[in-house]
């Protein structure tokens, strides 16, 4: 790995990678369906994970025959998150230390997420993290969501690096597929919500953002 061309930039996914929002999504989705006399199961959660909100919520609507529109469910989702984020949001282990190491090494970094920008802003604000990144790409910036490679291709272009010189950190199967398809140095960092996912094609599967192999690949320290 150390003989490979150096990596020149890093792209972070958001949900489940930077923050514990995937476990919060489970709670929100469960509450949405419970209000309608239905239950959220693991199969539906897996189908929704990592996808843009309109796609994920459409799957929920179709699976349970809901009469709600995507817009109605998004509004209700935002209301529930507004109640729980101030008390439950937490960075994933190793995030702050990795951001500081990248800043010290002057390696540029960005975020590429399937979430909506309004949600991203709400999540980044408590720790004032937005200023640490060159830019943030959301589902509203692309025409094809993950697992399509578009968002990572756009990130590489905006960072001015070849995809092969870009590390993309992802926690889900769909996110990893998008990173691999874009030709990036894909790193899977599964959490409790995604340990059973397939990460075919990933350059490495890390135990957390504190994994020494991430630091070695980036030649940090």
Protein backbone atom coordinates (compact mmCIF):
# COMPACT_ATOMS: atom_id res chain seq x y z
CA UNK A 1 0.00 0.00 0.00
CA UNK A 2 2.80 2.39 0.84
CA UNK A 3 4.29 1.84 -2.65
CA UNK A 4 1.09 3.05 -4.33
CA UNK A 5 0.74 6.65 -5.57
CA UNK A 6 -0.14 8.94 -2.67
CA UNK A 7 -3.73 9.73 -1.88
CA UNK A 8 -4.36 13.45 -2.28
CA UNK A 9 -7.81 14.05 -0.79
CA UNK A 10 -10.52 12.43 1.31
CA UNK A 11 -14.30 12.32 0.93
CA UNK A 12 -16.52 11.44 3.88
CA UNK A 13 -20.00 10.01 3.81
CA UNK A 14 -22.14 11.48 6.59
CA UNK A 15 -24.79 9.16 8.03
CA UNK A 16 -23.39 6.26 10.01
CA UNK A 17 -19.84 7.23 9.03
CA UNK A 18 -19.36 10.62 10.66
CA UNK A 19 -22.33 10.51 13.02
CA UNK A 20 -24.61 7.95 14.65
CA UNK A 21 -27.54 9.04 12.50
CA UNK A 22 -28.20 5.57 11.04
CA UNK A 23 -29.34 4.31 14.45
CA UNK A 24 -31.45 7.45 14.77
CA UNK A 25 -32.96 6.83 11.33
CA UNK A 26 -34.12 3.45 12.58
CA UNK A 27 -35.93 5.13 15.46
CA UNK A 28 -37.46 7.76 13.22
CA UNK A 29 -38.58 5.22 10.63
CA UNK A 30 -40.04 3.00 13.33
CA UNK A 31 -42.01 5.92 14.75
CA UNK A 32 -43.24 7.00 11.31
CA UNK A 33 -44.64 3.54 10.64
CA UNK A 34 -45.92 2.97 14.18
CA UNK A 35 -48.07 6.07 13.81
CA UNK A 36 -49.63 4.30 10.84
CA UNK A 37 -50.04 0.93 12.51
CA UNK A 38 -47.08 -0.66 10.78
CA UNK A 39 -43.58 -1.86 11.68
CA UNK A 40 -40.13 -1.19 10.28
CA UNK A 41 -38.26 -4.42 9.59
CA UNK A 42 -34.60 -5.01 8.84
CA UNK A 43 -35.26 -5.83 5.18
CA UNK A 44 -36.90 -2.46 4.49
CA UNK A 45 -34.26 -0.63 6.51
CA UNK A 46 -31.55 -2.25 4.40
CA UNK A 47 -33.33 -1.20 1.20
CA UNK A 48 -33.54 2.39 2.42
CA UNK A 49 -30.05 2.76 3.88
CA UNK A 50 -27.70 5.02 1.97
CA UNK A 51 -30.28 6.10 -0.59
CA UNK A 52 -31.56 9.64 -1.18
CA UNK A 53 -34.63 10.50 0.87
CA UNK A 54 -37.13 10.44 -2.04
CA UNK A 55 -35.97 6.97 -3.07
CA UNK A 56 -35.87 5.61 0.49
CA UNK A 57 -39.27 6.98 1.44
CA UNK A 58 -40.80 5.78 -1.82
CA UNK A 59 -39.70 2.28 -0.87
CA UNK A 60 -41.38 2.70 2.51
CA UNK A 61 -44.57 3.95 0.89
CA UNK A 62 -44.68 1.10 -1.61
CA UNK A 63 -43.80 -1.61 0.89
CA UNK A 64 -46.56 -0.61 3.32
CA UNK A 65 -49.10 0.87 0.92
CA UNK A 66 -49.01 4.25 2.64
CA UNK A 67 -51.21 7.09 1.44
CA UNK A 68 -48.66 9.73 2.43
CA UNK A 69 -46.56 11.53 -0.15
CA UNK A 70 -42.77 11.66 0.03
CA UNK A 71 -43.01 15.36 0.91
CA UNK A 72 -45.35 14.62 3.82
CA UNK A 73 -43.04 11.94 5.20
CA UNK A 74 -39.99 14.19 4.80
CA UNK A 75 -41.70 16.94 6.78
CA UNK A 76 -42.66 14.53 9.53
CA UNK A 77 -39.16 13.05 9.55
CA UNK A 78 -37.65 16.51 9.96
CA UNK A 79 -39.97 17.24 12.88
CA UNK A 80 -38.98 14.03 14.68
CA UNK A 81 -35.28 14.63 14.08
CA UNK A 82 -35.60 18.17 15.43
CA UNK A 83 -36.70 16.63 18.73
CA UNK A 84 -34.02 13.94 19.04
CA UNK A 85 -30.87 15.39 17.44
CA UNK A 86 -30.06 17.85 20.26
CA UNK A 87 -30.02 14.99 22.77
CA UNK A 88 -28.86 11.98 20.77
CA UNK A 89 -26.51 13.10 18.00
CA UNK A 90 -22.90 11.96 18.48
CA UNK A 91 -19.79 11.75 16.29
CA UNK A 92 -18.56 8.28 15.42
CA UNK A 93 -15.36 7.08 17.16
CA UNK A 94 -12.21 8.55 15.67
CA UNK A 95 -13.90 11.25 13.58
CA UNK A 96 -12.53 14.35 15.28
CA UNK A 97 -9.01 12.94 15.55
CA UNK A 98 -8.98 12.00 11.86
CA UNK A 99 -10.21 15.45 10.84
CA UNK A 100 -7.45 17.03 12.90
CA UNK A 101 -4.80 14.76 11.38
CA UNK A 102 -5.97 15.60 7.87
CA UNK A 103 -5.90 19.30 8.68
CA UNK A 104 -2.35 19.02 10.01
CA UNK A 105 -1.29 17.22 6.83
CA UNK A 106 -3.14 19.81 4.72
CA UNK A 107 -5.04 17.10 2.87
CA UNK A 108 -8.29 18.53 1.46
CA UNK A 109 -11.53 16.88 2.46
CA UNK A 110 -15.18 17.01 1.45
CA UNK A 111 -18.50 15.38 2.28
CA UNK A 112 -20.59 13.43 -0.24
CA UNK A 113 -23.89 12.27 1.23
CA UNK A 114 -27.30 11.01 0.18
CA UNK A 115 -28.92 13.25 2.77
CA UNK A 116 -30.60 16.58 2.03
CA UNK A 117 -28.63 19.77 2.60
CA UNK A 118 -30.97 21.03 5.31
CA UNK A 119 -30.33 17.86 7.31
CA UNK A 120 -26.57 18.03 6.74
CA UNK A 121 -26.45 21.61 7.98
CA UNK A 122 -28.38 20.62 11.09
CA UNK A 123 -26.02 17.72 11.84
CA UNK A 124 -22.78 19.62 11.25
CA UNK A 125 -23.76 22.73 13.20
CA UNK A 126 -23.38 21.53 16.83
CA UNK A 127 -19.66 20.81 16.38
CA UNK A 128 -19.13 23.60 13.81
CA UNK A 129 -17.68 21.10 11.34
CA UNK A 130 -18.79 22.62 8.03
CA UNK A 131 -15.78 24.94 7.92
CA UNK A 132 -13.41 21.98 8.04
CA UNK A 133 -14.47 20.79 4.58
CA UNK A 134 -13.83 22.27 1.14
CA UNK A 135 -17.45 21.60 0.19
CA UNK A 136 -20.45 19.39 0.83
CA UNK A 137 -22.28 17.48 -1.91
CA UNK A 138 -25.78 16.24 -1.12
CA UNK A 139 -28.53 14.32 -2.89
CA UNK A 140 -29.77 17.66 -4.22
CA UNK A 141 -26.53 18.19 -6.16
CA UNK A 142 -26.76 15.04 -8.30
CA UNK A 143 -29.20 13.47 -10.71
CA UNK A 144 -28.21 9.91 -9.79
CA UNK A 145 -27.92 8.91 -6.14
CA UNK A 146 -25.71 6.23 -4.65
CA UNK A 147 -24.89 3.48 -5.63
CA UNK A 148 -24.32 5.47 -8.83
CA UNK A 149 -20.75 6.91 -8.86
CA UNK A 150 -21.82 10.43 -9.87
CA UNK A 151 -21.43 12.11 -6.48
CA UNK A 152 -17.88 10.77 -6.04
CA UNK A 153 -16.95 11.68 -9.61
CA UNK A 154 -18.14 15.21 -8.92
CA UNK A 155 -16.18 15.32 -5.67
CA UNK A 156 -12.96 14.22 -7.37
CA UNK A 157 -13.41 16.82 -10.10
CA UNK A 158 -14.05 19.63 -7.62
CA UNK A 159 -11.06 18.58 -5.53
CA UNK A 160 -8.92 18.49 -8.67
CA UNK A 161 -7.70 14.93 -8.16
CA UNK A 162 -7.88 11.71 -10.13
CA UNK A 163 -10.44 9.33 -8.58
CA UNK A 164 -7.67 6.82 -7.88
CA UNK A 165 -6.01 9.43 -5.65
CA UNK A 166 -9.18 10.02 -3.66
CA UNK A 167 -10.02 8.09 -0.49
CA UNK A 168 -13.76 7.72 0.03
CA UNK A 169 -14.93 6.64 3.48
CA UNK A 170 -18.28 4.83 3.56
CA UNK A 171 -20.20 2.79 6.10
CA UNK A 172 -22.80 1.06 3.89
CA UNK A 173 -22.87 -1.37 1.00
CA UNK A 174 -24.56 1.13 -1.32
CA UNK A 175 -22.09 3.84 -0.43
CA UNK A 176 -19.14 1.54 -0.95
CA UNK A 177 -20.53 0.47 -4.33
CA UNK A 178 -20.66 4.13 -5.37
CA UNK A 179 -17.06 4.67 -4.26
CA UNK A 180 -15.79 1.56 -6.03
CA UNK A 181 -17.71 2.37 -9.22
CA UNK A 182 -16.12 5.82 -9.30
CA UNK A 183 -12.65 4.28 -9.26
CA UNK A 184 -11.70 5.75 -5.89
CA UNK A 185 -9.74 4.25 -3.00
CA UNK A 186 -12.85 2.98 -1.23
CA UNK A 187 -12.67 2.37 2.50
CA UNK A 188 -15.57 0.66 4.25
CA UNK A 189 -16.08 1.55 7.90
CA UNK A 190 -19.08 -0.55 8.92
CA UNK A 191 -21.03 0.13 12.08
CA UNK A 192 -23.46 -2.03 14.02
CA UNK A 193 -26.07 -1.18 11.37
CA UNK A 194 -23.99 -2.46 8.45
CA UNK A 195 -21.58 -5.17 9.58
CA UNK A 196 -23.43 -7.75 7.49
CA UNK A 197 -23.17 -5.69 4.29
CA UNK A 198 -21.01 -6.71 1.36
CA UNK A 199 -18.08 -4.40 0.68
CA UNK A 200 -16.81 -6.02 -2.51
CA UNK A 201 -14.08 -4.00 -4.18
CA UNK A 202 -13.16 -1.94 -1.13
CA UNK A 203 -9.47 -1.24 -0.71
CA UNK A 204 -9.84 -2.02 2.97
CA UNK A 205 -12.49 -2.63 5.61
CA UNK A 206 -11.65 -0.59 8.70
CA UNK A 207 -12.73 -1.22 12.27
CA UNK A 208 -13.45 2.48 12.84
CA UNK A 209 -12.24 5.91 11.73
CA UNK A 210 -9.41 5.42 14.21
CA UNK A 211 -8.08 2.37 12.33
CA UNK A 212 -4.31 2.67 11.82
CA UNK A 213 -4.67 1.38 8.25
CA UNK A 214 -6.57 4.53 7.27
CA UNK A 215 -3.74 6.64 8.64
CA UNK A 216 -1.11 4.51 6.91
CA UNK A 217 -2.92 4.67 3.56
CA UNK A 218 -3.03 8.46 3.85
CA UNK A 219 0.58 8.59 5.08
CA UNK A 220 -0.46 10.47 8.18
CA UNK A 221 1.77 10.66 11.22
